[in-house]
Amino acid sequence: MEDRWQEISRAKLINFESALSFIDERGTCYYLPVFIIAALEGHISISVPFFKIVQMLGSLRKSVPKEVIRIYGFDRNQAQAIAAFLRFVVGEHGEYAGSQAELQIIWQWEEYVKNQQKIYK
């Protein structure tokens, strides 16, 4: 058993990529980074962590970054990483977005991160 998410084998995730949909808030905070990295490296579908992020509060319309961060316990760096990942998935200009609702979520995350950066400067 691993003690840190960095120790989780990307190959192991191939057999358990649906697990991310079923874990609780604490587990999501722990496992989401490795799922994002595995998706970026091509080990699992990029849609696995993307879907989890956009559905964190049960629906696209409820996915408000401030609430997601509060409930899941993400820190500022994790919020920045999530926003960057979401933008990467939909493309620089949103050309790969599945819907307007997905784009709205990405804009909310980017706005949240931008506002947090202003606070800490």
PDB file of N, CA and C in Angstrom:
ATOM      1  N   MET A   1       0.849  -1.181   0.000  1.00  0.00           N
ATOM      2  CA  MET A   1       0.000   0.000   0.000  1.00  0.00           C
ATOM      3  C   MET A   1       0.890   1.238   0.000  1.00  0.00           C
ATOM      4  N   GLU A   2       0.494   2.214  -0.761  1.00  0.00           N
ATOM      5  CA  GLU A   2       1.267   3.443  -0.867  1.00  0.00           C
ATOM      6  C   GLU A   2       0.908   4.411   0.261  1.00  0.00           C
ATOM      7  N   ASP A   3       1.869   5.243   0.611  1.00  0.00           N
ATOM      8  CA  ASP A   3       1.648   6.262   1.637  1.00  0.00           C
ATOM      9  C   ASP A   3       1.399   7.637   1.023  1.00  0.00           C
ATOM     10  N   ARG A   4       1.799   7.806  -0.221  1.00  0.00           N
ATOM     11  CA  ARG A   4       1.650   9.086  -0.915  1.00  0.00           C
ATOM     12  C   ARG A   4       1.079   8.817  -2.308  1.00  0.00           C
ATOM     13  N   TRP A   5       0.269   9.770  -2.807  1.00  0.00           N
ATOM     14  CA  TRP A   5      -0.328   9.558  -4.124  1.00  0.00           C
ATOM     15  C   TRP A   5       0.736   9.437  -5.211  1.00  0.00           C
ATOM     16  N   GLN A   6       1.896  10.049  -5.001  1.00  0.00           N
ATOM     17  CA  GLN A   6       2.969   9.979  -5.985  1.00  0.00           C
ATOM     18  C   GLN A   6       3.482   8.554  -6.189  1.00  0.00           C
ATOM     19  N   GLU A   7       3.232   7.671  -5.223  1.00  0.00           N
ATOM     20  CA  GLU A   7       3.703   6.289  -5.299  1.00  0.00           C
ATOM     21  C   GLU A   7       2.735   5.369  -6.032  1.00  0.00           C
ATOM     22  N   ILE A   8       1.567   5.848  -6.379  1.00  0.00           N
ATOM     23  CA  ILE A   8       0.563   5.012  -7.036  1.00  0.00           C
ATOM     24  C   ILE A   8       0.982   4.760  -8.481  1.00  0.00           C
ATOM     25  N   SER A   9       1.017   3.515  -8.845  1.00  0.00           N
ATOM     26  CA  SER A   9       1.403   3.117 -10.192  1.00  0.00           C
ATOM     27  C   SER A   9       0.357   3.555 -11.204  1.00  0.00           C
ATOM     28  N   ARG A  10       0.807   4.205 -12.269  1.00  0.00           N
ATOM     29  CA  ARG A  10      -0.121   4.611 -13.335  1.00  0.00           C
ATOM     30  C   ARG A  10      -0.756   3.376 -13.973  1.00  0.00           C
ATOM     31  N   ALA A  11       0.022   2.299 -14.074  1.00  0.00           N
ATOM     32  CA  ALA A  11      -0.496   1.055 -14.660  1.00  0.00           C
ATOM     33  C   ALA A  11      -1.648   0.498 -13.830  1.00  0.00           C
ATOM     34  N   LYS A  12      -1.572   0.661 -12.514  1.00  0.00           N
ATOM     35  CA  LYS A  12      -2.628   0.183 -11.635  1.00  0.00           C
ATOM     36  C   LYS A  12      -3.956   0.896 -11.924  1.00  0.00           C
ATOM     37  N   LEU A  13      -3.867   2.154 -12.293  1.00  0.00           N
ATOM     38  CA  LEU A  13      -5.075   2.938 -12.553  1.00  0.00           C
ATOM     39  C   LEU A  13      -5.843   2.466 -13.784  1.00  0.00           C
ATOM     40  N   ILE A  14      -5.147   1.859 -14.722  1.00  0.00           N
ATOM     41  CA  ILE A  14      -5.803   1.365 -15.935  1.00  0.00           C
ATOM     42  C   ILE A  14      -6.919   0.397 -15.577  1.00  0.00           C
ATOM     43  N   ASN A  15      -6.707  -0.425 -14.588  1.00  0.00           N
ATOM     44  CA  ASN A  15      -7.713  -1.400 -14.174  1.00  0.00           C
ATOM     45  C   ASN A  15      -8.773  -0.816 -13.248  1.00  0.00           C
ATOM     46  N   PHE A  16      -8.517   0.378 -12.729  1.00  0.00           N
ATOM     47  CA  PHE A  16      -9.429   0.958 -11.745  1.00  0.00           C
ATOM     48  C   PHE A  16      -9.858   2.379 -12.097  1.00  0.00           C
ATOM     49  N   GLU A  17      -9.867   2.719 -13.385  1.00  0.00           N
ATOM     50  CA  GLU A  17     -10.159   4.104 -13.734  1.00  0.00           C
ATOM     51  C   GLU A  17     -11.574   4.541 -13.357  1.00  0.00           C
ATOM     52  N   SER A  18     -12.507   3.621 -13.235  1.00  0.00           N
ATOM     53  CA  SER A  18     -13.864   4.007 -12.832  1.00  0.00           C
ATOM     54  C   SER A  18     -13.956   4.288 -11.327  1.00  0.00           C
ATOM     55  N   ALA A  19     -12.950   3.903 -10.559  1.00  0.00           N
ATOM     56  CA  ALA A  19     -12.974   4.085  -9.101  1.00  0.00           C
ATOM     57  C   ALA A  19     -13.118   5.547  -8.709  1.00  0.00           C
ATOM     58  N   LEU A  20     -12.579   6.446  -9.499  1.00  0.00           N
ATOM     59  CA  LEU A  20     -12.632   7.867  -9.164  1.00  0.00           C
ATOM     60  C   LEU A  20     -14.071   8.362  -9.036  1.00  0.00           C
ATOM     61  N   SER A  21     -14.977   7.754  -9.752  1.00  0.00           N
ATOM     62  CA  SER A  21     -16.383   8.153  -9.689  1.00  0.00           C
ATOM     63  C   SER A  21     -17.042   7.770  -8.374  1.00  0.00           C
ATOM     64  N   PHE A  22     -16.453   6.843  -7.639  1.00  0.00           N
ATOM     65  CA  PHE A  22     -17.103   6.298  -6.451  1.00  0.00           C
ATOM     66  C   PHE A  22     -16.446   6.660  -5.125  1.00  0.00           C
ATOM     67  N   ILE A  23     -15.340   7.391  -5.161  1.00  0.00           N
ATOM     68  CA  ILE A  23     -14.669   7.696  -3.904  1.00  0.00           C
ATOM     69  C   ILE A  23     -15.207   8.991  -3.290  1.00  0.00           C
ATOM     70  N   ASP A  24     -15.052   9.110  -1.981  1.00  0.00           N
ATOM     71  CA  ASP A  24     -15.575  10.261  -1.248  1.00  0.00           C
ATOM     72  C   ASP A  24     -14.652  11.476  -1.407  1.00  0.00           C
ATOM     73  N   GLU A  25     -15.002  12.542  -0.688  1.00  0.00           N
ATOM     74  CA  GLU A  25     -14.264  13.794  -0.803  1.00  0.00           C
ATOM     75  C   GLU A  25     -12.785  13.638  -0.437  1.00  0.00           C
ATOM     76  N   ARG A  26     -12.524  12.969   0.665  1.00  0.00           N
ATOM     77  CA  ARG A  26     -11.133  12.791   1.109  1.00  0.00           C
ATOM     78  C   ARG A  26     -10.339  11.963   0.095  1.00  0.00           C
ATOM     79  N   GLY A  27     -10.966  10.893  -0.397  1.00  0.00           N
ATOM     80  CA  GLY A  27     -10.308  10.061  -1.403  1.00  0.00           C
ATOM     81  C   GLY A  27     -10.079  10.811  -2.701  1.00  0.00           C
ATOM     82  N   THR A  28     -11.036  11.649  -3.081  1.00  0.00           N
ATOM     83  CA  THR A  28     -10.886  12.443  -4.298  1.00  0.00           C
ATOM     84  C   THR A  28      -9.705  13.389  -4.174  1.00  0.00           C
ATOM     85  N   CYS A  29      -9.603  14.058  -3.040  1.00  0.00           N
ATOM     86  CA  CYS A  29      -8.493  14.986  -2.828  1.00  0.00           C
ATOM     87  C   CYS A  29      -7.153  14.251  -2.910  1.00  0.00           C
ATOM     88  N   TYR A  30      -7.108  13.019  -2.418  1.00  0.00           N
ATOM     89  CA  TYR A  30      -5.884  12.219  -2.424  1.00  0.00           C
ATOM     90  C   TYR A  30      -5.562  11.672  -3.816  1.00  0.00           C
ATOM     91  N   TYR A  31      -6.567  11.102  -4.495  1.00  0.00           N
ATOM     92  CA  TYR A  31      -6.319  10.388  -5.751  1.00  0.00           C
ATOM     93  C   TYR A  31      -6.418  11.238  -7.015  1.00  0.00           C
ATOM     94  N   LEU A  32      -7.096  12.372  -6.967  1.00  0.00           N
ATOM     95  CA  LEU A  32      -7.280  13.156  -8.182  1.00  0.00           C
ATOM     96  C   LEU A  32      -5.966  13.536  -8.870  1.00  0.00           C
ATOM     97  N   PRO A  33      -4.932  13.955  -8.145  1.00  0.00           N
ATOM     98  CA  PRO A  33      -3.682  14.310  -8.846  1.00  0.00           C
ATOM     99  C   PRO A  33      -3.114  13.171  -9.695  1.00  0.00           C
ATOM    100  N   VAL A  34      -3.101  11.975  -9.172  1.00  0.00           N
ATOM    101  CA  VAL A  34      -2.525  10.861  -9.928  1.00  0.00           C
ATOM    102  C   VAL A  34      -3.412  10.496 -11.124  1.00  0.00           C
ATOM    103  N   PHE A  35      -4.725  10.654 -10.973  1.00  0.00           N
ATOM    104  CA  PHE A  35      -5.612  10.402 -12.106  1.00  0.00           C
ATOM    105  C   PHE A  35      -5.389  11.447 -13.200  1.00  0.00           C
ATOM    106  N   ILE A  36      -5.201  12.695 -12.825  1.00  0.00           N
ATOM    107  CA  ILE A  36      -4.931  13.741 -13.815  1.00  0.00           C
ATOM    108  C   ILE A  36      -3.613  13.470 -14.534  1.00  0.00           C
ATOM    109  N   ILE A  37      -2.582  13.140 -13.785  1.00  0.00           N
ATOM    110  CA  ILE A  37      -1.277  12.851 -14.390  1.00  0.00           C
ATOM    111  C   ILE A  37      -1.365  11.635 -15.307  1.00  0.00           C
ATOM    112  N   ALA A  38      -2.044  10.582 -14.856  1.00  0.00           N
ATOM    113  CA  ALA A  38      -2.193   9.383 -15.680  1.00  0.00           C
ATOM    114  C   ALA A  38      -2.926   9.708 -16.983  1.00  0.00           C
ATOM    115  N   ALA A  39      -3.912  10.574 -16.909  1.00  0.00           N
ATOM    116  CA  ALA A  39      -4.647  10.972 -18.121  1.00  0.00           C
ATOM    117  C   ALA A  39      -3.748  11.784 -19.050  1.00  0.00           C
ATOM    118  N   LEU A  40      -2.977  12.707 -18.503  1.00  0.00           N
ATOM    119  CA  LEU A  40      -2.081  13.525 -19.316  1.00  0.00           C
ATOM    120  C   LEU A  40      -0.976  12.682 -19.956  1.00  0.00           C
ATOM    121  N   GLU A  41      -0.568  11.630 -19.259  1.00  0.00           N
ATOM    122  CA  GLU A  41       0.462  10.729 -19.807  1.00  0.00           C
ATOM    123  C   GLU A  41      -0.119   9.706 -20.771  1.00  0.00           C
ATOM    124  N   GLY A  42      -1.438   9.648 -20.889  1.00  0.00           N
ATOM    125  CA  GLY A  42      -2.071   8.733 -21.832  1.00  0.00           C
ATOM    126  C   GLY A  42      -2.356   7.338 -21.296  1.00  0.00           C
ATOM    127  N   HIS A  43      -2.249   7.122 -19.989  1.00  0.00           N
ATOM    128  CA  HIS A  43      -2.512   5.805 -19.406  1.00  0.00           C
ATOM    129  C   HIS A  43      -4.004   5.520 -19.284  1.00  0.00           C
ATOM    130  N   ILE A  44      -4.787   6.558 -19.046  1.00  0.00           N
ATOM    131  CA  ILE A  44      -6.244   6.422 -18.950  1.00  0.00           C
ATOM    132  C   ILE A  44      -6.881   7.543 -19.783  1.00  0.00           C
ATOM    133  N   SER A  45      -8.164   7.424 -19.995  1.00  0.00           N
ATOM    134  CA  SER A  45      -8.878   8.450 -20.750  1.00  0.00           C
ATOM    135  C   SER A  45      -8.875   9.771 -19.993  1.00  0.00           C
ATOM    136  N   ILE A  46      -8.641  10.831 -20.705  1.00  0.00           N
ATOM    137  CA  ILE A  46      -8.639  12.165 -20.095  1.00  0.00           C
ATOM    138  C   ILE A  46     -10.021  12.526 -19.564  1.00  0.00           C
ATOM    139  N   SER A  47     -11.040  11.860 -20.090  1.00  0.00           N
ATOM    140  CA  SER A  47     -12.407  12.155 -19.644  1.00  0.00           C
ATOM    141  C   SER A  47     -12.679  11.658 -18.224  1.00  0.00           C
ATOM    142  N   VAL A  48     -11.887  10.713 -17.711  1.00  0.00           N
ATOM    143  CA  VAL A  48     -12.118  10.175 -16.362  1.00  0.00           C
ATOM    144  C   VAL A  48     -11.963  11.267 -15.303  1.00  0.00           C
ATOM    145  N   PRO A  49     -10.804  11.919 -15.181  1.00  0.00           N
ATOM    146  CA  PRO A  49     -10.720  12.993 -14.182  1.00  0.00           C
ATOM    147  C   PRO A  49     -11.537  14.220 -14.564  1.00  0.00           C
ATOM    148  N   PHE A  50     -11.665  14.500 -15.861  1.00  0.00           N
ATOM    149  CA  PHE A  50     -12.459  15.653 -16.294  1.00  0.00           C
ATOM    150  C   PHE A  50     -13.899  15.509 -15.835  1.00  0.00           C
ATOM    151  N   PHE A  51     -14.499  14.343 -16.063  1.00  0.00           N
ATOM    152  CA  PHE A  51     -15.881  14.112 -15.659  1.00  0.00           C
ATOM    153  C   PHE A  51     -16.033  14.232 -14.151  1.00  0.00           C
ATOM    154  N   LYS A  52     -15.082  13.682 -13.404  1.00  0.00           N
ATOM    155  CA  LYS A  52     -15.150  13.760 -11.940  1.00  0.00           C
ATOM    156  C   LYS A  52     -15.141  15.216 -11.480  1.00  0.00           C
ATOM    157  N   ILE A  53     -14.268  16.021 -12.044  1.00  0.00           N
ATOM    158  CA  ILE A  53     -14.161  17.418 -11.630  1.00  0.00           C
ATOM    159  C   ILE A  53     -15.455  18.180 -11.929  1.00  0.00           C
ATOM    160  N   VAL A  54     -15.978  18.033 -13.141  1.00  0.00           N
ATOM    161  CA  VAL A  54     -17.160  18.826 -13.498  1.00  0.00           C
ATOM    162  C   VAL A  54     -18.426  18.333 -12.815  1.00  0.00           C
ATOM    163  N   GLN A  55     -18.380  17.146 -12.219  1.00  0.00           N
ATOM    164  CA  GLN A  55     -19.554  16.609 -11.534  1.00  0.00           C
ATOM    165  C   GLN A  55     -19.395  16.567 -10.006  1.00  0.00           C
ATOM    166  N   MET A  56     -18.422  17.244  -9.456  1.00  0.00           N
ATOM    167  CA  MET A  56     -18.106  17.108  -8.035  1.00  0.00           C
ATOM    168  C   MET A  56     -19.245  17.443  -7.081  1.00  0.00           C
ATOM    169  N   LEU A  57     -20.107  18.346  -7.430  1.00  0.00           N
ATOM    170  CA  LEU A  57     -21.238  18.650  -6.556  1.00  0.00           C
ATOM    171  C   LEU A  57     -22.537  18.102  -7.117  1.00  0.00           C
ATOM    172  N   GLY A  58     -22.444  17.117  -7.982  1.00  0.00           N
ATOM    173  CA  GLY A  58     -23.644  16.427  -8.444  1.00  0.00           C
ATOM    174  C   GLY A  58     -24.157  16.826  -9.807  1.00  0.00           C
ATOM    175  N   SER A  59     -23.825  18.018 -10.266  1.00  0.00           N
ATOM    176  CA  SER A  59     -24.264  18.418 -11.600  1.00  0.00           C
ATOM    177  C   SER A  59     -23.416  19.581 -12.079  1.00  0.00           C
ATOM    178  N   LEU A  60     -23.450  19.826 -13.379  1.00  0.00           N
ATOM    179  CA  LEU A  60     -22.683  20.933 -13.934  1.00  0.00           C
ATOM    180  C   LEU A  60     -23.109  22.261 -13.324  1.00  0.00           C
ATOM    181  N   ARG A  61     -24.386  22.445 -13.117  1.00  0.00           N
ATOM    182  CA  ARG A  61     -24.888  23.724 -12.609  1.00  0.00           C
ATOM    183  C   ARG A  61     -24.480  23.990 -11.156  1.00  0.00           C
ATOM    184  N   LYS A  62     -24.223  22.936 -10.405  1.00  0.00           N
ATOM    185  CA  LYS A  62     -23.855  23.094  -8.990  1.00  0.00           C
ATOM    186  C   LYS A  62     -22.348  23.182  -8.785  1.00  0.00           C
ATOM    187  N   SER A  63     -21.566  22.987  -9.828  1.00  0.00           N
ATOM    188  CA  SER A  63     -20.120  22.919  -9.694  1.00  0.00           C
ATOM    189  C   SER A  63     -19.506  24.309  -9.551  1.00  0.00           C
ATOM    190  N   VAL A  64     -19.605  24.872  -8.354  1.00  0.00           N
ATOM    191  CA  VAL A  64     -19.058  26.189  -8.046  1.00  0.00           C
ATOM    192  C   VAL A  64     -17.699  25.972  -7.373  1.00  0.00           C
ATOM    193  N   PRO A  65     -16.628  26.498  -7.974  1.00  0.00           N
ATOM    194  CA  PRO A  65     -15.287  26.224  -7.440  1.00  0.00           C
ATOM    195  C   PRO A  65     -15.136  26.466  -5.933  1.00  0.00           C
ATOM    196  N   LYS A  66     -15.633  27.571  -5.437  1.00  0.00           N
ATOM    197  CA  LYS A  66     -15.477  27.876  -4.014  1.00  0.00           C
ATOM    198  C   LYS A  66     -16.074  26.776  -3.147  1.00  0.00           C
ATOM    199  N   GLU A  67     -17.241  26.268  -3.510  1.00  0.00           N
ATOM    200  CA  GLU A  67     -17.885  25.199  -2.751  1.00  0.00           C
ATOM    201  C   GLU A  67     -17.152  23.875  -2.906  1.00  0.00           C
ATOM    202  N   VAL A  68     -16.729  23.569  -4.132  1.00  0.00           N
ATOM    203  CA  VAL A  68     -15.975  22.336  -4.373  1.00  0.00           C
ATOM    204  C   VAL A  68     -14.696  22.340  -3.537  1.00  0.00           C
ATOM    205  N   ILE A  69     -13.991  23.463  -3.538  1.00  0.00           N
ATOM    206  CA  ILE A  69     -12.738  23.583  -2.788  1.00  0.00           C
ATOM    207  C   ILE A  69     -12.992  23.424  -1.291  1.00  0.00           C
ATOM    208  N   ARG A  70     -14.056  24.035  -0.803  1.00  0.00           N
ATOM    209  CA  ARG A  70     -14.391  23.929   0.622  1.00  0.00           C
ATOM    210  C   ARG A  70     -14.728  22.486   0.998  1.00  0.00           C
ATOM    211  N   ILE A  71     -15.583  21.846   0.223  1.00  0.00           N
ATOM    212  CA  ILE A  71     -16.035  20.486   0.542  1.00  0.00           C
ATOM    213  C   ILE A  71     -14.919  19.460   0.389  1.00  0.00           C
ATOM    214  N   TYR A  72     -14.129  19.589  -0.673  1.00  0.00           N
ATOM    215  CA  TYR A  72     -13.087  18.598  -0.946  1.00  0.00           C
ATOM    216  C   TYR A  72     -11.757  18.929  -0.275  1.00  0.00           C
ATOM    217  N   GLY A  73     -11.590  20.140   0.203  1.00  0.00           N
ATOM    218  CA  GLY A  73     -10.375  20.503   0.921  1.00  0.00           C
ATOM    219  C   GLY A  73      -9.179  20.778   0.034  1.00  0.00           C
ATOM    220  N   PHE A  74      -9.407  21.198  -1.203  1.00  0.00           N
ATOM    221  CA  PHE A  74      -8.286  21.522  -2.090  1.00  0.00           C
ATOM    222  C   PHE A  74      -7.611  22.803  -1.628  1.00  0.00           C
ATOM    223  N   ASP A  75      -6.288  22.848  -1.770  1.00  0.00           N
ATOM    224  CA  ASP A  75      -5.577  24.076  -1.443  1.00  0.00           C
ATOM    225  C   ASP A  75      -5.444  24.939  -2.704  1.00  0.00           C
ATOM    226  N   ARG A  76      -4.823  26.076  -2.568  1.00  0.00           N
ATOM    227  CA  ARG A  76      -4.691  27.038  -3.677  1.00  0.00           C
ATOM    228  C   ARG A  76      -3.962  26.426  -4.882  1.00  0.00           C
ATOM    229  N   ASN A  77      -2.888  25.700  -4.634  1.00  0.00           N
ATOM    230  CA  ASN A  77      -2.132  25.084  -5.727  1.00  0.00           C
ATOM    231  C   ASN A  77      -2.962  24.023  -6.444  1.00  0.00           C
ATOM    232  N   GLN A  78      -3.721  23.254  -5.674  1.00  0.00           N
ATOM    233  CA  GLN A  78      -4.573  22.234  -6.283  1.00  0.00           C
ATOM    234  C   GLN A  78      -5.666  22.885  -7.129  1.00  0.00           C
ATOM    235  N   ALA A  79      -6.230  23.983  -6.649  1.00  0.00           N
ATOM    236  CA  ALA A  79      -7.246  24.695  -7.418  1.00  0.00           C
ATOM    237  C   ALA A  79      -6.667  25.209  -8.730  1.00  0.00           C
ATOM    238  N   GLN A  80      -5.452  25.714  -8.690  1.00  0.00           N
ATOM    239  CA  GLN A  80      -4.788  26.188  -9.907  1.00  0.00           C
ATOM    240  C   GLN A  80      -4.556  25.030 -10.881  1.00  0.00           C
ATOM    241  N   ALA A  81      -4.137  23.894 -10.358  1.00  0.00           N
ATOM    242  CA  ALA A  81      -3.895  22.723 -11.200  1.00  0.00           C
ATOM    243  C   ALA A  81      -5.194  22.227 -11.840  1.00  0.00           C
ATOM    244  N   ILE A  82      -6.276  22.233 -11.075  1.00  0.00           N
ATOM    245  CA  ILE A  82      -7.570  21.808 -11.610  1.00  0.00           C
ATOM    246  C   ILE A  82      -8.004  22.738 -12.729  1.00  0.00           C
ATOM    247  N   ALA A  83      -7.894  24.047 -12.519  1.00  0.00           N
ATOM    248  CA  ALA A  83      -8.278  25.019 -13.547  1.00  0.00           C
ATOM    249  C   ALA A  83      -7.445  24.824 -14.816  1.00  0.00           C
ATOM    250  N   ALA A  84      -6.150  24.612 -14.657  1.00  0.00           N
ATOM    251  CA  ALA A  84      -5.273  24.413 -15.818  1.00  0.00           C
ATOM    252  C   ALA A  84      -5.618  23.115 -16.553  1.00  0.00           C
ATOM    253  N   PHE A  85      -5.908  22.066 -15.800  1.00  0.00           N
ATOM    254  CA  PHE A  85      -6.283  20.794 -16.414  1.00  0.00           C
ATOM    255  C   PHE A  85      -7.583  20.934 -17.197  1.00  0.00           C
ATOM    256  N   LEU A  86      -8.573  21.574 -16.592  1.00  0.00           N
ATOM    257  CA  LEU A  86      -9.854  21.766 -17.282  1.00  0.00           C
ATOM    258  C   LEU A  86      -9.655  22.525 -18.588  1.00  0.00           C
ATOM    259  N   ARG A  87      -8.866  23.590 -18.546  1.00  0.00           N
ATOM    260  CA  ARG A  87      -8.597  24.370 -19.767  1.00  0.00           C
ATOM    261  C   ARG A  87      -7.885  23.510 -20.797  1.00  0.00           C
ATOM    262  N   PHE A  88      -6.917  22.728 -20.375  1.00  0.00           N
ATOM    263  CA  PHE A  88      -6.199  21.855 -21.296  1.00  0.00           C
ATOM    264  C   PHE A  88      -7.152  20.904 -22.021  1.00  0.00           C
ATOM    265  N   VAL A  89      -8.075  20.319 -21.278  1.00  0.00           N
ATOM    266  CA  VAL A  89      -8.993  19.337 -21.854  1.00  0.00           C
ATOM    267  C   VAL A  89      -9.895  19.963 -22.915  1.00  0.00           C
ATOM    268  N   VAL A  90     -10.423  21.151 -22.650  1.00  0.00           N
ATOM    269  CA  VAL A  90     -11.355  21.764 -23.614  1.00  0.00           C
ATOM    270  C   VAL A  90     -10.657  22.567 -24.692  1.00  0.00           C
ATOM    271  N   GLY A  91      -9.368  22.778 -24.554  1.00  0.00           N
ATOM    272  CA  GLY A  91      -8.626  23.539 -25.553  1.00  0.00           C
ATOM    273  C   GLY A  91      -8.549  25.007 -25.197  1.00  0.00           C
ATOM    274  N   GLU A  92      -7.557  25.651 -25.750  1.00  0.00           N
ATOM    275  CA  GLU A  92      -7.300  27.060 -25.446  1.00  0.00           C
ATOM    276  C   GLU A  92      -8.506  27.951 -25.722  1.00  0.00           C
ATOM    277  N   HIS A  93      -9.237  27.628 -26.781  1.00  0.00           N
ATOM    278  CA  HIS A  93     -10.395  28.440 -27.170  1.00  0.00           C
ATOM    279  C   HIS A  93     -11.720  27.713 -26.942  1.00  0.00           C
ATOM    280  N   GLY A  94     -11.677  26.609 -26.191  1.00  0.00           N
ATOM    281  CA  GLY A  94     -12.898  25.861 -25.909  1.00  0.00           C
ATOM    282  C   GLY A  94     -13.351  24.981 -27.056  1.00  0.00           C
ATOM    283  N   GLU A  95     -12.473  24.747 -27.999  1.00  0.00           N
ATOM    284  CA  GLU A  95     -12.845  23.995 -29.205  1.00  0.00           C
ATOM    285  C   GLU A  95     -13.187  22.529 -28.950  1.00  0.00           C
ATOM    286  N   TYR A  96     -12.786  21.979 -27.821  1.00  0.00           N
ATOM    287  CA  TYR A  96     -13.081  20.576 -27.520  1.00  0.00           C
ATOM    288  C   TYR A  96     -14.145  20.404 -26.433  1.00  0.00           C
ATOM    289  N   ALA A  97     -14.748  21.487 -26.023  1.00  0.00           N
ATOM    290  CA  ALA A  97     -15.779  21.427 -24.973  1.00  0.00           C
ATOM    291  C   ALA A  97     -16.993  20.676 -25.485  1.00  0.00           C
ATOM    292  N   GLY A  98     -17.576  19.876 -24.601  1.00  0.00           N
ATOM    293  CA  GLY A  98     -18.763  19.111 -24.964  1.00  0.00           C
ATOM    294  C   GLY A  98     -20.042  19.920 -24.907  1.00  0.00           C
ATOM    295  N   SER A  99     -20.008  21.022 -24.155  1.00  0.00           N
ATOM    296  CA  SER A  99     -21.214  21.838 -24.018  1.00  0.00           C
ATOM    297  C   SER A  99     -20.847  23.216 -23.487  1.00  0.00           C
ATOM    298  N   GLN A 100     -21.793  24.115 -23.565  1.00  0.00           N
ATOM    299  CA  GLN A 100     -21.625  25.446 -23.004  1.00  0.00           C
ATOM    300  C   GLN A 100     -21.488  25.356 -21.481  1.00  0.00           C
ATOM    301  N   ALA A 101     -22.195  24.407 -20.868  1.00  0.00           N
ATOM    302  CA  ALA A 101     -22.120  24.232 -19.415  1.00  0.00           C
ATOM    303  C   ALA A 101     -20.697  23.873 -18.986  1.00  0.00           C
ATOM    304  N   GLU A 102     -20.014  23.021 -19.747  1.00  0.00           N
ATOM    305  CA  GLU A 102     -18.619  22.689 -19.435  1.00  0.00           C
ATOM    306  C   GLU A 102     -17.747  23.935 -19.499  1.00  0.00           C
ATOM    307  N   LEU A 103     -17.934  24.730 -20.535  1.00  0.00           N
ATOM    308  CA  LEU A 103     -17.157  25.963 -20.651  1.00  0.00           C
ATOM    309  C   LEU A 103     -17.415  26.905 -19.483  1.00  0.00           C
ATOM    310  N   GLN A 104     -18.649  27.000 -19.054  1.00  0.00           N
ATOM    311  CA  GLN A 104     -18.972  27.867 -17.926  1.00  0.00           C
ATOM    312  C   GLN A 104     -18.243  27.419 -16.660  1.00  0.00           C
ATOM    313  N   ILE A 105     -18.134  26.107 -16.459  1.00  0.00           N
ATOM    314  CA  ILE A 105     -17.395  25.599 -15.304  1.00  0.00           C
ATOM    315  C   ILE A 105     -15.932  26.006 -15.391  1.00  0.00           C
ATOM    316  N   ILE A 106     -15.356  25.860 -16.562  1.00  0.00           N
ATOM    317  CA  ILE A 106     -13.947  26.209 -16.735  1.00  0.00           C
ATOM    318  C   ILE A 106     -13.738  27.696 -16.479  1.00  0.00           C
ATOM    319  N   TRP A 107     -14.634  28.513 -17.008  1.00  0.00           N
ATOM    320  CA  TRP A 107     -14.529  29.960 -16.772  1.00  0.00           C
ATOM    321  C   TRP A 107     -14.633  30.266 -15.284  1.00  0.00           C
ATOM    322  N   GLN A 108     -15.509  29.569 -14.571  1.00  0.00           N
ATOM    323  CA  GLN A 108     -15.648  29.790 -13.124  1.00  0.00           C
ATOM    324  C   GLN A 108     -14.364  29.427 -12.394  1.00  0.00           C
ATOM    325  N   TRP A 109     -13.760  28.290 -12.753  1.00  0.00           N
ATOM    326  CA  TRP A 109     -12.501  27.883 -12.103  1.00  0.00           C
ATOM    327  C   TRP A 109     -11.401  28.892 -12.411  1.00  0.00           C
ATOM    328  N   GLU A 110     -11.315  29.313 -13.662  1.00  0.00           N
ATOM    329  CA  GLU A 110     -10.271  30.273 -14.028  1.00  0.00           C
ATOM    330  C   GLU A 110     -10.481  31.607 -13.305  1.00  0.00           C
ATOM    331  N   GLU A 111     -11.708  32.061 -13.204  1.00  0.00           N
ATOM    332  CA  GLU A 111     -12.017  33.299 -12.498  1.00  0.00           C
ATOM    333  C   GLU A 111     -11.691  33.161 -11.008  1.00  0.00           C
ATOM    334  N   TYR A 112     -12.046  32.027 -10.422  1.00  0.00           N
ATOM    335  CA  TYR A 112     -11.747  31.787  -9.014  1.00  0.00           C
ATOM    336  C   TYR A 112     -10.237  31.855  -8.770  1.00  0.00           C
ATOM    337  N   VAL A 113      -9.466  31.160  -9.598  1.00  0.00           N
ATOM    338  CA  VAL A 113      -8.013  31.129  -9.442  1.00  0.00           C
ATOM    339  C   VAL A 113      -7.431  32.529  -9.625  1.00  0.00           C
ATOM    340  N   LYS A 114      -7.927  33.246 -10.626  1.00  0.00           N
ATOM    341  CA  LYS A 114      -7.447  34.610 -10.869  1.00  0.00           C
ATOM    342  C   LYS A 114      -7.714  35.505  -9.657  1.00  0.00           C
ATOM    343  N   ASN A 115      -8.902  35.403  -9.090  1.00  0.00           N
ATOM    344  CA  ASN A 115      -9.239  36.212  -7.912  1.00  0.00           C
ATOM    345  C   ASN A 115      -8.398  35.819  -6.702  1.00  0.00           C
ATOM    346  N   GLN A 116      -8.096  34.538  -6.552  1.00  0.00           N
ATOM    347  CA  GLN A 116      -7.257  34.086  -5.439  1.00  0.00           C
ATOM    348  C   GLN A 116      -5.839  34.603  -5.590  1.00  0.00           C
ATOM    349  N   GLN A 117      -5.357  34.676  -6.802  1.00  0.00           N
ATOM    350  CA  GLN A 117      -4.007  35.203  -7.023  1.00  0.00           C
ATOM    351  C   GLN A 117      -3.923  36.677  -6.639  1.00  0.00           C
ATOM    352  N   LYS A 118      -4.993  37.418  -6.891  1.00  0.00           N
ATOM    353  CA  LYS A 118      -5.020  38.837  -6.517  1.00  0.00           C
ATOM    354  C   LYS A 118      -4.971  38.991  -4.996  1.00  0.00           C
ATOM    355  N   ILE A 119      -5.680  38.111  -4.298  1.00  0.00           N
ATOM    356  CA  ILE A 119      -5.733  38.174  -2.838  1.00  0.00           C
ATOM    357  C   ILE A 119      -4.357  37.943  -2.230  1.00  0.00           C
ATOM    358  N   TYR A 120      -3.586  37.007  -2.811  1.00  0.00           N
ATOM    359  CA  TYR A 120      -2.300  36.622  -2.224  1.00  0.00           C
ATOM    360  C   TYR A 120      -1.121  37.455  -2.726  1.00  0.00           C
ATOM    361  N   LYS A 121      -1.385  38.441  -3.575  1.00  0.00           N
ATOM    362  CA  LYS A 121      -0.271  39.279  -4.064  1.00  0.00           C
ATOM    363  C   LYS A 121      -0.025  40.436  -3.153  1.00  0.00           C
TER     364      LYS A 121
END
